[in-house]
Amino acid sequence: MSKLFIDIETRSPKPLPKVGVWAYAEQAIITLCAYAWDGEPVKLWDRTKQSAIPSDLLQYLRDETVMCVAHNSLFERILFKKTLGIDIPSKRWICTSVLARTNGLPSSLKNACLALRFPEHLTKKEEGKALIARFCKGSIDSPPYDCTRANHVQAWALFREYCKRDVEATRELFKSLTPLNPEERTLWLLDQEINDRGYRIDLDLV
């Protein structure tokens, strides 16, 4: 099956590590989306310049024959669903973070790429943390950067490249890893289902 490699950057007033992806997505917006079809060059959707989702990206996301590949794919899946109304079932996702762990590698994109000694341009730069802190926190009603200030524009240009580079790294990581076997894949899909719906609690017993 054809693959769509994806990375998104988002903005929300809620702290993701504290509230989790579902609560985070309730007040979030996708600001950047880098994507690549199989081995083709990486494209970028910058919502500060184009509000509507690109037609080719929308077609890929809706095509049931396309597998979507992302690092920590739960985040992309939930953000697409909650912010854009695009519900892509778990069975169409491949998570390279999960693949990295099952292949005995660190779970983070940066450390997995470093462990495999990828070229420097494919490893996440330290500047990424500062860019995320700068552009990903705050009200979704305000733009992520001030286009009238040169230093903001320059930093945003770096952030755009950072997002695109993550797709390149994710693609190379995917190509280097052994996929989940059928049993592991089934368990991962079950884990996604449990995360989506939660689990029942006997309130009387509690």
N, C-alpha and C. Protein backbone atom coordinates (compact mmCIF):
# COMPACT_ATOMS: atom_id res chain seq x y z
N MET A 1 0.84 -1.20 0.00
CA MET A 1 0.00 0.00 0.00
C MET A 1 0.87 1.25 0.00
N SER A 2 0.37 2.29 -0.64
CA SER A 2 1.09 3.56 -0.66
C SER A 2 1.11 4.18 0.72
N LYS A 3 2.13 4.99 0.98
CA LYS A 3 2.32 5.60 2.29
C LYS A 3 2.27 7.12 2.18
N LEU A 4 1.64 7.73 3.18
CA LEU A 4 1.65 9.18 3.33
C LEU A 4 2.36 9.48 4.65
N PHE A 5 3.52 10.12 4.56
CA PHE A 5 4.29 10.46 5.75
C PHE A 5 3.89 11.87 6.20
N ILE A 6 3.60 12.01 7.49
CA ILE A 6 2.98 13.24 8.00
C ILE A 6 3.66 13.70 9.28
N ASP A 7 3.76 15.02 9.42
CA ASP A 7 4.09 15.63 10.72
C ASP A 7 3.32 16.93 10.83
N ILE A 8 2.74 17.18 11.98
CA ILE A 8 2.01 18.42 12.19
C ILE A 8 2.61 19.20 13.35
N GLU A 9 2.44 20.51 13.28
CA GLU A 9 2.73 21.39 14.41
C GLU A 9 1.42 22.07 14.79
N THR A 10 1.20 22.27 16.06
CA THR A 10 -0.09 22.74 16.54
C THR A 10 0.08 23.88 17.53
N ARG A 11 -1.04 24.48 17.88
CA ARG A 11 -1.05 25.56 18.86
C ARG A 11 -2.25 25.37 19.78
N SER A 12 -2.03 25.49 21.08
CA SER A 12 -3.10 25.32 22.04
C SER A 12 -2.71 25.97 23.36
N PRO A 13 -3.69 26.51 24.10
CA PRO A 13 -3.38 27.05 25.42
C PRO A 13 -3.21 25.97 26.48
N LYS A 14 -3.58 24.73 26.14
CA LYS A 14 -3.50 23.64 27.11
C LYS A 14 -2.14 22.95 27.05
N PRO A 15 -1.58 22.58 28.21
CA PRO A 15 -0.29 21.88 28.23
C PRO A 15 -0.46 20.40 27.90
N LEU A 16 0.04 19.98 26.77
CA LEU A 16 -0.16 18.61 26.30
C LEU A 16 0.31 17.55 27.31
N PRO A 17 1.50 17.67 27.90
CA PRO A 17 1.95 16.62 28.83
C PRO A 17 1.04 16.45 30.04
N LYS A 18 0.35 17.51 30.43
CA LYS A 18 -0.49 17.44 31.63
C LYS A 18 -1.91 16.96 31.33
N VAL A 19 -2.47 17.37 30.20
CA VAL A 19 -3.89 17.09 29.95
C VAL A 19 -4.11 15.91 29.01
N GLY A 20 -3.10 15.51 28.24
CA GLY A 20 -3.28 14.42 27.29
C GLY A 20 -3.83 14.92 25.96
N VAL A 21 -3.73 14.08 24.94
CA VAL A 21 -4.02 14.52 23.58
C VAL A 21 -5.49 14.87 23.37
N TRP A 22 -6.43 14.12 23.99
CA TRP A 22 -7.85 14.39 23.75
C TRP A 22 -8.26 15.75 24.29
N ALA A 23 -7.88 16.06 25.52
CA ALA A 23 -8.21 17.36 26.10
C ALA A 23 -7.46 18.48 25.38
N TYR A 24 -6.22 18.21 25.01
CA TYR A 24 -5.42 19.19 24.28
C TYR A 24 -6.10 19.57 22.97
N ALA A 25 -6.60 18.57 22.27
CA ALA A 25 -7.18 18.79 20.94
C ALA A 25 -8.47 19.61 20.99
N GLU A 26 -9.11 19.68 22.15
CA GLU A 26 -10.36 20.44 22.26
C GLU A 26 -10.16 21.93 22.02
N GLN A 27 -8.97 22.43 22.31
CA GLN A 27 -8.66 23.84 22.09
C GLN A 27 -7.35 23.96 21.33
N ALA A 28 -7.26 23.29 20.21
CA ALA A 28 -6.02 23.29 19.43
C ALA A 28 -6.31 23.61 17.97
N ILE A 29 -5.27 24.01 17.29
CA ILE A 29 -5.35 24.24 15.85
C ILE A 29 -4.07 23.73 15.22
N ILE A 30 -4.18 23.14 14.05
CA ILE A 30 -3.00 22.74 13.29
C ILE A 30 -2.48 23.97 12.57
N THR A 31 -1.22 24.31 12.79
CA THR A 31 -0.63 25.49 12.14
C THR A 31 0.23 25.11 10.95
N LEU A 32 0.92 23.97 11.04
CA LEU A 32 1.75 23.48 9.95
C LEU A 32 1.50 21.99 9.76
N CYS A 33 1.51 21.56 8.52
CA CYS A 33 1.41 20.13 8.23
C CYS A 33 2.35 19.82 7.08
N ALA A 34 3.41 19.08 7.37
CA ALA A 34 4.32 18.63 6.32
C ALA A 34 3.93 17.21 5.94
N TYR A 35 4.00 16.91 4.65
CA TYR A 35 3.58 15.59 4.20
C TYR A 35 4.32 15.20 2.92
N ALA A 36 4.48 13.90 2.75
CA ALA A 36 5.16 13.38 1.56
C ALA A 36 4.50 12.08 1.14
N TRP A 37 4.25 11.96 -0.13
CA TRP A 37 3.63 10.77 -0.71
C TRP A 37 4.74 9.80 -1.12
N ASP A 38 4.80 8.65 -0.47
CA ASP A 38 5.84 7.65 -0.74
C ASP A 38 7.23 8.31 -0.75
N GLY A 39 7.94 8.25 -1.87
CA GLY A 39 9.29 8.81 -1.93
C GLY A 39 9.37 10.19 -2.54
N GLU A 40 8.22 10.85 -2.69
CA GLU A 40 8.21 12.16 -3.33
C GLU A 40 8.69 13.26 -2.38
N PRO A 41 9.03 14.44 -2.93
CA PRO A 41 9.49 15.55 -2.08
C PRO A 41 8.44 15.95 -1.05
N VAL A 42 8.92 16.47 0.06
CA VAL A 42 8.04 16.89 1.14
C VAL A 42 7.34 18.19 0.78
N LYS A 43 6.03 18.23 1.01
CA LYS A 43 5.24 19.45 0.83
C LYS A 43 4.85 20.01 2.20
N LEU A 44 4.45 21.27 2.21
CA LEU A 44 4.09 21.89 3.48
C LEU A 44 2.80 22.69 3.34
N TRP A 45 1.88 22.43 4.25
CA TRP A 45 0.67 23.26 4.37
C TRP A 45 0.88 24.21 5.53
N ASP A 46 1.00 25.48 5.23
CA ASP A 46 1.17 26.53 6.24
C ASP A 46 -0.17 27.26 6.35
N ARG A 47 -0.87 27.06 7.45
CA ARG A 47 -2.21 27.63 7.59
C ARG A 47 -2.20 29.13 7.82
N THR A 48 -1.03 29.71 8.11
CA THR A 48 -0.96 31.17 8.20
C THR A 48 -0.99 31.79 6.81
N LYS A 49 -0.75 30.99 5.78
CA LYS A 49 -0.76 31.49 4.41
C LYS A 49 -1.92 30.92 3.59
N GLN A 50 -2.40 29.73 3.97
CA GLN A 50 -3.48 29.07 3.24
C GLN A 50 -4.39 28.40 4.25
N SER A 51 -5.59 28.92 4.40
CA SER A 51 -6.50 28.40 5.43
C SER A 51 -7.08 27.04 5.06
N ALA A 52 -7.36 26.83 3.78
CA ALA A 52 -7.98 25.58 3.34
C ALA A 52 -6.93 24.48 3.18
N ILE A 53 -7.30 23.27 3.54
CA ILE A 53 -6.39 22.14 3.40
C ILE A 53 -6.11 21.88 1.92
N PRO A 54 -4.87 21.64 1.53
CA PRO A 54 -4.57 21.36 0.12
C PRO A 54 -5.36 20.16 -0.39
N SER A 55 -5.78 20.24 -1.63
CA SER A 55 -6.65 19.20 -2.18
C SER A 55 -5.96 17.85 -2.24
N ASP A 56 -4.65 17.83 -2.54
CA ASP A 56 -3.97 16.54 -2.62
C ASP A 56 -3.85 15.90 -1.24
N LEU A 57 -3.57 16.72 -0.21
CA LEU A 57 -3.49 16.19 1.15
C LEU A 57 -4.83 15.63 1.59
N LEU A 58 -5.90 16.35 1.30
CA LEU A 58 -7.24 15.88 1.67
C LEU A 58 -7.57 14.57 0.97
N GLN A 59 -7.18 14.47 -0.29
CA GLN A 59 -7.43 13.24 -1.04
C GLN A 59 -6.69 12.06 -0.43
N TYR A 60 -5.42 12.28 -0.06
CA TYR A 60 -4.64 11.21 0.56
C TYR A 60 -5.26 10.77 1.88
N LEU A 61 -5.66 11.74 2.70
CA LEU A 61 -6.20 11.43 4.02
C LEU A 61 -7.52 10.66 3.93
N ARG A 62 -8.28 10.90 2.89
CA ARG A 62 -9.58 10.23 2.74
C ARG A 62 -9.50 8.92 1.97
N ASP A 63 -8.37 8.65 1.36
CA ASP A 63 -8.21 7.45 0.53
C ASP A 63 -7.95 6.24 1.43
N GLU A 64 -8.88 5.31 1.47
CA GLU A 64 -8.78 4.16 2.37
C GLU A 64 -7.68 3.18 1.97
N THR A 65 -7.09 3.36 0.80
CA THR A 65 -6.00 2.48 0.38
C THR A 65 -4.64 3.05 0.78
N VAL A 66 -4.62 4.21 1.39
CA VAL A 66 -3.36 4.87 1.78
C VAL A 66 -3.11 4.67 3.27
N MET A 67 -1.88 4.26 3.61
CA MET A 67 -1.47 4.16 5.01
C MET A 67 -0.78 5.45 5.41
N CYS A 68 -1.16 5.98 6.56
CA CYS A 68 -0.57 7.22 7.08
C CYS A 68 0.51 6.86 8.10
N VAL A 69 1.69 7.44 7.93
CA VAL A 69 2.83 7.12 8.80
C VAL A 69 3.25 8.39 9.53
N ALA A 70 3.32 8.31 10.86
CA ALA A 70 3.72 9.46 11.67
C ALA A 70 4.43 8.97 12.92
N HIS A 71 5.22 9.85 13.51
CA HIS A 71 5.89 9.52 14.77
C HIS A 71 4.98 9.96 15.90
N ASN A 72 4.56 9.02 16.73
CA ASN A 72 3.50 9.24 17.72
C ASN A 72 2.19 9.53 16.99
N SER A 73 1.77 8.58 16.18
CA SER A 73 0.64 8.79 15.26
C SER A 73 -0.67 9.10 15.96
N LEU A 74 -0.81 8.71 17.24
CA LEU A 74 -2.05 9.03 17.96
C LEU A 74 -2.30 10.53 17.94
N PHE A 75 -1.25 11.31 18.08
CA PHE A 75 -1.38 12.77 18.11
C PHE A 75 -1.95 13.28 16.79
N GLU A 76 -1.35 12.87 15.68
CA GLU A 76 -1.85 13.31 14.38
C GLU A 76 -3.29 12.84 14.16
N ARG A 77 -3.55 11.61 14.49
CA ARG A 77 -4.90 11.06 14.25
C ARG A 77 -5.97 11.84 15.01
N ILE A 78 -5.72 12.11 16.28
CA ILE A 78 -6.72 12.82 17.08
C ILE A 78 -6.83 14.27 16.66
N LEU A 79 -5.71 14.91 16.33
CA LEU A 79 -5.79 16.32 15.91
C LEU A 79 -6.51 16.47 14.59
N PHE A 80 -6.30 15.56 13.65
CA PHE A 80 -7.05 15.63 12.40
C PHE A 80 -8.54 15.45 12.66
N LYS A 81 -8.88 14.56 13.57
CA LYS A 81 -10.28 14.29 13.86
C LYS A 81 -10.94 15.47 14.57
N LYS A 82 -10.30 15.98 15.61
CA LYS A 82 -10.92 17.00 16.46
C LYS A 82 -10.88 18.39 15.86
N THR A 83 -9.85 18.71 15.09
CA THR A 83 -9.72 20.08 14.58
C THR A 83 -10.18 20.23 13.13
N LEU A 84 -10.12 19.16 12.35
CA LEU A 84 -10.50 19.25 10.94
C LEU A 84 -11.69 18.37 10.58
N GLY A 85 -12.13 17.53 11.53
CA GLY A 85 -13.25 16.65 11.25
C GLY A 85 -12.91 15.52 10.30
N ILE A 86 -11.62 15.19 10.19
CA ILE A 86 -11.19 14.09 9.31
C ILE A 86 -10.87 12.89 10.19
N ASP A 87 -11.74 11.90 10.17
CA ASP A 87 -11.62 10.74 11.04
C ASP A 87 -10.95 9.60 10.27
N ILE A 88 -9.68 9.39 10.54
CA ILE A 88 -8.91 8.34 9.88
C ILE A 88 -8.77 7.17 10.85
N PRO A 89 -9.31 6.01 10.54
CA PRO A 89 -9.29 4.90 11.50
C PRO A 89 -7.87 4.45 11.83
N SER A 90 -7.71 3.90 13.01
CA SER A 90 -6.39 3.46 13.48
C SER A 90 -5.74 2.47 12.52
N LYS A 91 -6.56 1.64 11.87
CA LYS A 91 -6.01 0.62 10.99
C LYS A 91 -5.26 1.21 9.80
N ARG A 92 -5.44 2.51 9.56
CA ARG A 92 -4.73 3.16 8.46
C ARG A 92 -3.49 3.91 8.93
N TRP A 93 -3.12 3.73 10.19
CA TRP A 93 -1.95 4.43 10.73
C TRP A 93 -0.82 3.47 11.06
N ILE A 94 0.39 3.96 10.87
CA ILE A 94 1.60 3.28 11.32
C ILE A 94 2.38 4.27 12.17
N CYS A 95 2.74 3.87 13.38
CA CYS A 95 3.46 4.75 14.30
C CYS A 95 4.93 4.35 14.34
N THR A 96 5.81 5.24 13.88
CA THR A 96 7.24 4.92 13.88
C THR A 96 7.84 4.95 15.28
N SER A 97 7.18 5.62 16.21
CA SER A 97 7.66 5.58 17.59
C SER A 97 7.49 4.17 18.16
N VAL A 98 6.35 3.56 17.89
CA VAL A 98 6.12 2.17 18.31
C VAL A 98 7.09 1.23 17.60
N LEU A 99 7.30 1.43 16.31
CA LEU A 99 8.25 0.59 15.58
C LEU A 99 9.65 0.72 16.15
N ALA A 100 10.03 1.94 16.50
CA ALA A 100 11.37 2.16 17.06
C ALA A 100 11.55 1.34 18.34
N ARG A 101 10.56 1.39 19.22
CA ARG A 101 10.67 0.65 20.48
C ARG A 101 10.72 -0.86 20.25
N THR A 102 9.90 -1.36 19.33
CA THR A 102 9.90 -2.81 19.08
C THR A 102 11.17 -3.26 18.37
N ASN A 103 11.89 -2.31 17.78
CA ASN A 103 13.18 -2.62 17.16
C ASN A 103 14.36 -2.34 18.08
N GLY A 104 14.06 -2.10 19.36
CA GLY A 104 15.12 -1.90 20.34
C GLY A 104 15.78 -0.54 20.29
N LEU A 105 15.06 0.46 19.79
CA LEU A 105 15.59 1.82 19.67
C LEU A 105 14.85 2.76 20.61
N PRO A 106 15.43 3.93 20.89
CA PRO A 106 14.71 4.93 21.68
C PRO A 106 13.41 5.33 20.99
N SER A 107 12.44 5.78 21.77
CA SER A 107 11.13 6.10 21.20
C SER A 107 11.08 7.47 20.55
N SER A 108 11.93 8.40 20.97
CA SER A 108 11.88 9.74 20.39
C SER A 108 12.48 9.73 18.98
N LEU A 109 11.97 10.59 18.13
CA LEU A 109 12.45 10.65 16.75
C LEU A 109 13.93 11.01 16.70
N LYS A 110 14.30 12.01 17.47
CA LYS A 110 15.70 12.45 17.48
C LYS A 110 16.63 11.32 17.90
N ASN A 111 16.33 10.68 19.02
CA ASN A 111 17.24 9.66 19.54
C ASN A 111 17.25 8.40 18.70
N ALA A 112 16.12 8.06 18.10
CA ALA A 112 16.10 6.90 17.20
C ALA A 112 16.97 7.16 15.98
N CYS A 113 16.89 8.37 15.44
CA CYS A 113 17.71 8.73 14.28
C CYS A 113 19.19 8.78 14.64
N LEU A 114 19.49 9.28 15.83
CA LEU A 114 20.88 9.31 16.29
C LEU A 114 21.42 7.90 16.47
N ALA A 115 20.59 7.02 17.03
CA ALA A 115 21.03 5.63 17.25
C ALA A 115 21.36 4.93 15.94
N LEU A 116 20.63 5.29 14.89
CA LEU A 116 20.87 4.69 13.58
C LEU A 116 21.90 5.46 12.77
N ARG A 117 22.46 6.50 13.39
CA ARG A 117 23.52 7.31 12.76
C ARG A 117 23.07 7.90 11.43
N PHE A 118 21.86 8.42 11.43
CA PHE A 118 21.38 9.12 10.25
C PHE A 118 22.20 10.38 10.03
N PRO A 119 22.21 10.91 8.81
CA PRO A 119 22.90 12.17 8.55
C PRO A 119 22.39 13.28 9.46
N GLU A 120 23.26 14.22 9.75
CA GLU A 120 22.93 15.27 10.72
C GLU A 120 21.68 16.04 10.33
N HIS A 121 21.46 16.25 9.04
CA HIS A 121 20.30 17.05 8.64
C HIS A 121 18.98 16.33 8.92
N LEU A 122 19.03 15.04 9.22
CA LEU A 122 17.80 14.30 9.53
C LEU A 122 17.54 14.17 11.02
N THR A 123 18.47 14.58 11.84
CA THR A 123 18.26 14.54 13.28
C THR A 123 17.67 15.85 13.74
N LYS A 124 16.82 15.78 14.72
CA LYS A 124 16.13 16.99 15.19
C LYS A 124 17.10 17.91 15.90
N LYS A 125 17.11 19.16 15.52
CA LYS A 125 18.00 20.13 16.11
C LYS A 125 17.48 20.59 17.47
N GLU A 126 18.41 21.04 18.31
CA GLU A 126 18.02 21.54 19.62
C GLU A 126 17.13 22.77 19.50
N GLU A 127 17.27 23.50 18.39
CA GLU A 127 16.45 24.70 18.19
C GLU A 127 14.97 24.37 18.16
N GLY A 128 14.64 23.11 17.89
CA GLY A 128 13.24 22.73 17.80
C GLY A 128 12.48 22.98 19.08
N LYS A 129 13.10 22.74 20.23
CA LYS A 129 12.43 22.95 21.51
C LYS A 129 12.05 24.42 21.68
N ALA A 130 12.97 25.30 21.32
CA ALA A 130 12.71 26.73 21.45
C ALA A 130 11.61 27.18 20.50
N LEU A 131 11.61 26.62 19.29
CA LEU A 131 10.59 26.99 18.31
C LEU A 131 9.21 26.51 18.75
N ILE A 132 9.15 25.30 19.30
CA ILE A 132 7.88 24.78 19.80
C ILE A 132 7.36 25.62 20.95
N ALA A 133 8.26 25.99 21.86
CA ALA A 133 7.86 26.83 22.99
C ALA A 133 7.36 28.18 22.51
N ARG A 134 7.92 28.66 21.42
CA ARG A 134 7.57 29.99 20.91
C ARG A 134 6.25 30.00 20.15
N PHE A 135 6.02 28.98 19.35
CA PHE A 135 4.89 29.03 18.42
C PHE A 135 3.72 28.10 18.76
N CYS A 136 3.90 27.17 19.69
CA CYS A 136 2.87 26.16 19.92
C CYS A 136 2.03 26.40 21.17
N LYS A 137 2.36 27.42 21.92
CA LYS A 137 1.63 27.69 23.16
C LYS A 137 0.91 29.02 23.05
N GLY A 138 -0.37 29.03 23.42
CA GLY A 138 -1.12 30.28 23.39
C GLY A 138 -2.48 30.11 22.76
N SER A 139 -3.22 31.19 22.71
CA SER A 139 -4.58 31.16 22.20
C SER A 139 -4.61 30.81 20.72
N ILE A 140 -5.59 30.01 20.32
CA ILE A 140 -5.74 29.68 18.91
C ILE A 140 -6.42 30.81 18.15
N ASP A 141 -6.91 31.81 18.87
CA ASP A 141 -7.56 32.94 18.22
C ASP A 141 -6.55 33.99 17.75
N SER A 142 -5.31 33.85 18.17
CA SER A 142 -4.27 34.78 17.74
C SER A 142 -3.29 34.05 16.84
N PRO A 143 -2.66 34.75 15.88
CA PRO A 143 -1.71 34.09 14.99
C PRO A 143 -0.49 33.61 15.75
N PRO A 144 0.17 32.56 15.27
CA PRO A 144 1.32 32.02 16.00
C PRO A 144 2.54 32.93 16.01
N TYR A 145 2.60 33.86 15.06
CA TYR A 145 3.74 34.78 15.04
C TYR A 145 3.29 36.13 14.49
N ASP A 146 4.10 37.15 14.77
CA ASP A 146 3.81 38.51 14.33
C ASP A 146 4.51 38.76 13.00
N CYS A 147 3.73 38.79 11.92
CA CYS A 147 4.31 38.91 10.59
C CYS A 147 4.89 40.29 10.32
N THR A 148 4.70 41.23 11.24
CA THR A 148 5.27 42.57 11.06
C THR A 148 6.66 42.67 11.68
N ARG A 149 7.10 41.64 12.37
CA ARG A 149 8.40 41.66 13.04
C ARG A 149 9.34 40.67 12.36
N ALA A 150 10.48 41.18 11.91
CA ALA A 150 11.41 40.38 11.11
C ALA A 150 11.90 39.15 11.87
N ASN A 151 12.17 39.30 13.17
CA ASN A 151 12.69 38.15 13.91
C ASN A 151 11.64 37.04 14.04
N HIS A 152 10.36 37.43 14.06
CA HIS A 152 9.29 36.42 14.09
C HIS A 152 9.22 35.69 12.75
N VAL A 153 9.32 36.44 11.67
CA VAL A 153 9.24 35.85 10.33
C VAL A 153 10.39 34.88 10.10
N GLN A 154 11.58 35.27 10.53
CA GLN A 154 12.75 34.40 10.36
C GLN A 154 12.61 33.12 11.18
N ALA A 155 12.12 33.26 12.41
CA ALA A 155 11.94 32.08 13.26
C ALA A 155 10.86 31.16 12.69
N TRP A 156 9.80 31.75 12.13
CA TRP A 156 8.73 30.94 11.53
C TRP A 156 9.26 30.17 10.33
N ALA A 157 10.13 30.78 9.55
CA ALA A 157 10.74 30.09 8.41
C ALA A 157 11.55 28.88 8.88
N LEU A 158 12.25 29.03 10.00
CA LEU A 158 12.99 27.91 10.58
C LEU A 158 12.03 26.81 11.04
N PHE A 159 10.90 27.22 11.60
CA PHE A 159 9.91 26.26 12.09
C PHE A 159 9.31 25.47 10.94
N ARG A 160 9.08 26.12 9.83
CA ARG A 160 8.58 25.44 8.64
C ARG A 160 9.55 24.34 8.19
N GLU A 161 10.84 24.68 8.16
CA GLU A 161 11.85 23.70 7.76
C GLU A 161 11.96 22.57 8.78
N TYR A 162 11.81 22.92 10.04
CA TYR A 162 11.84 21.92 11.12
C TYR A 162 10.72 20.89 10.91
N CYS A 163 9.55 21.34 10.56
CA CYS A 163 8.41 20.45 10.34
C CYS A 163 8.67 19.54 9.13
N LYS A 164 9.18 20.10 8.06
CA LYS A 164 9.47 19.31 6.87
C LYS A 164 10.57 18.28 7.13
N ARG A 165 11.56 18.69 7.90
CA ARG A 165 12.67 17.78 8.21
C ARG A 165 12.19 16.58 9.03
N ASP A 166 11.20 16.80 9.88
CA ASP A 166 10.65 15.69 10.66
C ASP A 166 10.02 14.63 9.77
N VAL A 167 9.38 15.06 8.69
CA VAL A 167 8.80 14.09 7.76
C VAL A 167 9.91 13.30 7.07
N GLU A 168 10.97 13.98 6.67
CA GLU A 168 12.09 13.28 6.05
C GLU A 168 12.68 12.24 7.01
N ALA A 169 12.84 12.65 8.27
CA ALA A 169 13.40 11.74 9.27
C ALA A 169 12.47 10.56 9.53
N THR A 170 11.17 10.85 9.62
CA THR A 170 10.18 9.78 9.85
C THR A 170 10.19 8.78 8.71
N ARG A 171 10.29 9.27 7.50
CA ARG A 171 10.31 8.38 6.33
C ARG A 171 11.55 7.48 6.34
N GLU A 172 12.70 8.06 6.62
CA GLU A 172 13.93 7.27 6.65
C GLU A 172 13.92 6.27 7.80
N LEU A 173 13.35 6.69 8.93
CA LEU A 173 13.24 5.78 10.07
C LEU A 173 12.34 4.60 9.72
N PHE A 174 11.21 4.88 9.11
CA PHE A 174 10.28 3.82 8.71
C PHE A 174 10.96 2.81 7.79
N LYS A 175 11.73 3.31 6.84
CA LYS A 175 12.42 2.43 5.88
C LYS A 175 13.47 1.56 6.55
N SER A 176 13.94 1.98 7.73
CA SER A 176 15.03 1.27 8.41
C SER A 176 14.53 0.24 9.42
N LEU A 177 13.24 0.23 9.69
CA LEU A 177 12.71 -0.59 10.78
C LEU A 177 11.90 -1.78 10.28
N THR A 178 11.91 -2.84 11.08
CA THR A 178 11.08 -4.00 10.81
C THR A 178 9.65 -3.71 11.28
N PRO A 179 8.65 -3.97 10.46
CA PRO A 179 7.26 -3.68 10.87
C PRO A 179 6.80 -4.61 11.98
N LEU A 180 5.70 -4.23 12.61
CA LEU A 180 5.09 -5.08 13.63
C LEU A 180 4.61 -6.39 13.00
N ASN A 181 4.76 -7.49 13.74
CA ASN A 181 4.18 -8.73 13.24
C ASN A 181 2.66 -8.67 13.45
N PRO A 182 1.89 -9.56 12.83
CA PRO A 182 0.43 -9.48 12.92
C PRO A 182 -0.11 -9.44 14.35
N GLU A 183 0.48 -10.23 15.25
CA GLU A 183 0.00 -10.25 16.63
C GLU A 183 0.26 -8.91 17.31
N GLU A 184 1.45 -8.35 17.13
CA GLU A 184 1.77 -7.06 17.73
C GLU A 184 0.90 -5.96 17.14
N ARG A 185 0.65 -6.04 15.85
CA ARG A 185 -0.21 -5.05 15.20
C ARG A 185 -1.63 -5.10 15.78
N THR A 186 -2.15 -6.29 16.00
CA THR A 186 -3.48 -6.44 16.59
C THR A 186 -3.53 -5.83 17.98
N LEU A 187 -2.50 -6.07 18.78
CA LEU A 187 -2.45 -5.52 20.14
C LEU A 187 -2.35 -4.00 20.10
N TRP A 188 -1.58 -3.47 19.16
CA TRP A 188 -1.46 -2.01 19.04
C TRP A 188 -2.81 -1.39 18.67
N LEU A 189 -3.52 -2.01 17.75
CA LEU A 189 -4.84 -1.50 17.37
C LEU A 189 -5.81 -1.55 18.54
N LEU A 190 -5.72 -2.60 19.35
CA LEU A 190 -6.55 -2.69 20.54
C LEU A 190 -6.21 -1.58 21.52
N ASP A 191 -4.94 -1.29 21.67
CA ASP A 191 -4.50 -0.20 22.54
C ASP A 191 -5.07 1.14 22.06
N GLN A 192 -5.08 1.36 20.75
CA GLN A 192 -5.66 2.59 20.21
C GLN A 192 -7.15 2.68 20.52
N GLU A 193 -7.84 1.55 20.39
CA GLU A 193 -9.28 1.52 20.67
C GLU A 193 -9.56 1.84 22.13
N ILE A 194 -8.76 1.26 23.03
CA ILE A 194 -8.94 1.51 24.46
C ILE A 194 -8.69 2.98 24.77
N ASN A 195 -7.65 3.55 24.16
CA ASN A 195 -7.36 4.97 24.39
C ASN A 195 -8.48 5.86 23.87
N ASP A 196 -9.12 5.45 22.79
CA ASP A 196 -10.19 6.25 22.22
C ASP A 196 -11.45 6.23 23.08
N ARG A 197 -11.83 5.07 23.56
CA ARG A 197 -13.12 4.94 24.24
C ARG A 197 -13.01 4.93 25.76
N GLY A 198 -11.79 4.71 26.29
CA GLY A 198 -11.64 4.52 27.72
C GLY A 198 -12.05 3.10 28.09
N TYR A 199 -12.21 2.84 29.38
CA TYR A 199 -12.66 1.52 29.80
C TYR A 199 -13.68 1.66 30.92
N ARG A 200 -14.52 0.67 31.05
CA ARG A 200 -15.64 0.74 31.98
C ARG A 200 -15.17 0.55 33.42
N ILE A 201 -15.82 1.29 34.31
CA ILE A 201 -15.54 1.19 35.74
C ILE A 201 -16.85 0.87 36.47
N ASP A 202 -16.79 -0.06 37.38
CA ASP A 202 -17.95 -0.40 38.21
C ASP A 202 -18.07 0.67 39.29
N LEU A 203 -18.93 1.67 39.06
CA LEU A 203 -19.05 2.78 39.99
C LEU A 203 -19.61 2.34 41.34
N ASP A 204 -20.49 1.35 41.34
CA ASP A 204 -21.02 0.85 42.61
C ASP A 204 -19.91 0.24 43.45
N LEU A 205 -19.03 -0.49 42.79
CA LEU A 205 -17.91 -1.10 43.50
C LEU A 205 -16.95 -0.04 44.03
N VAL A 206 -16.72 0.99 43.23
CA VAL A 206 -15.83 2.08 43.65
C VAL A 206 -16.43 2.80 44.85
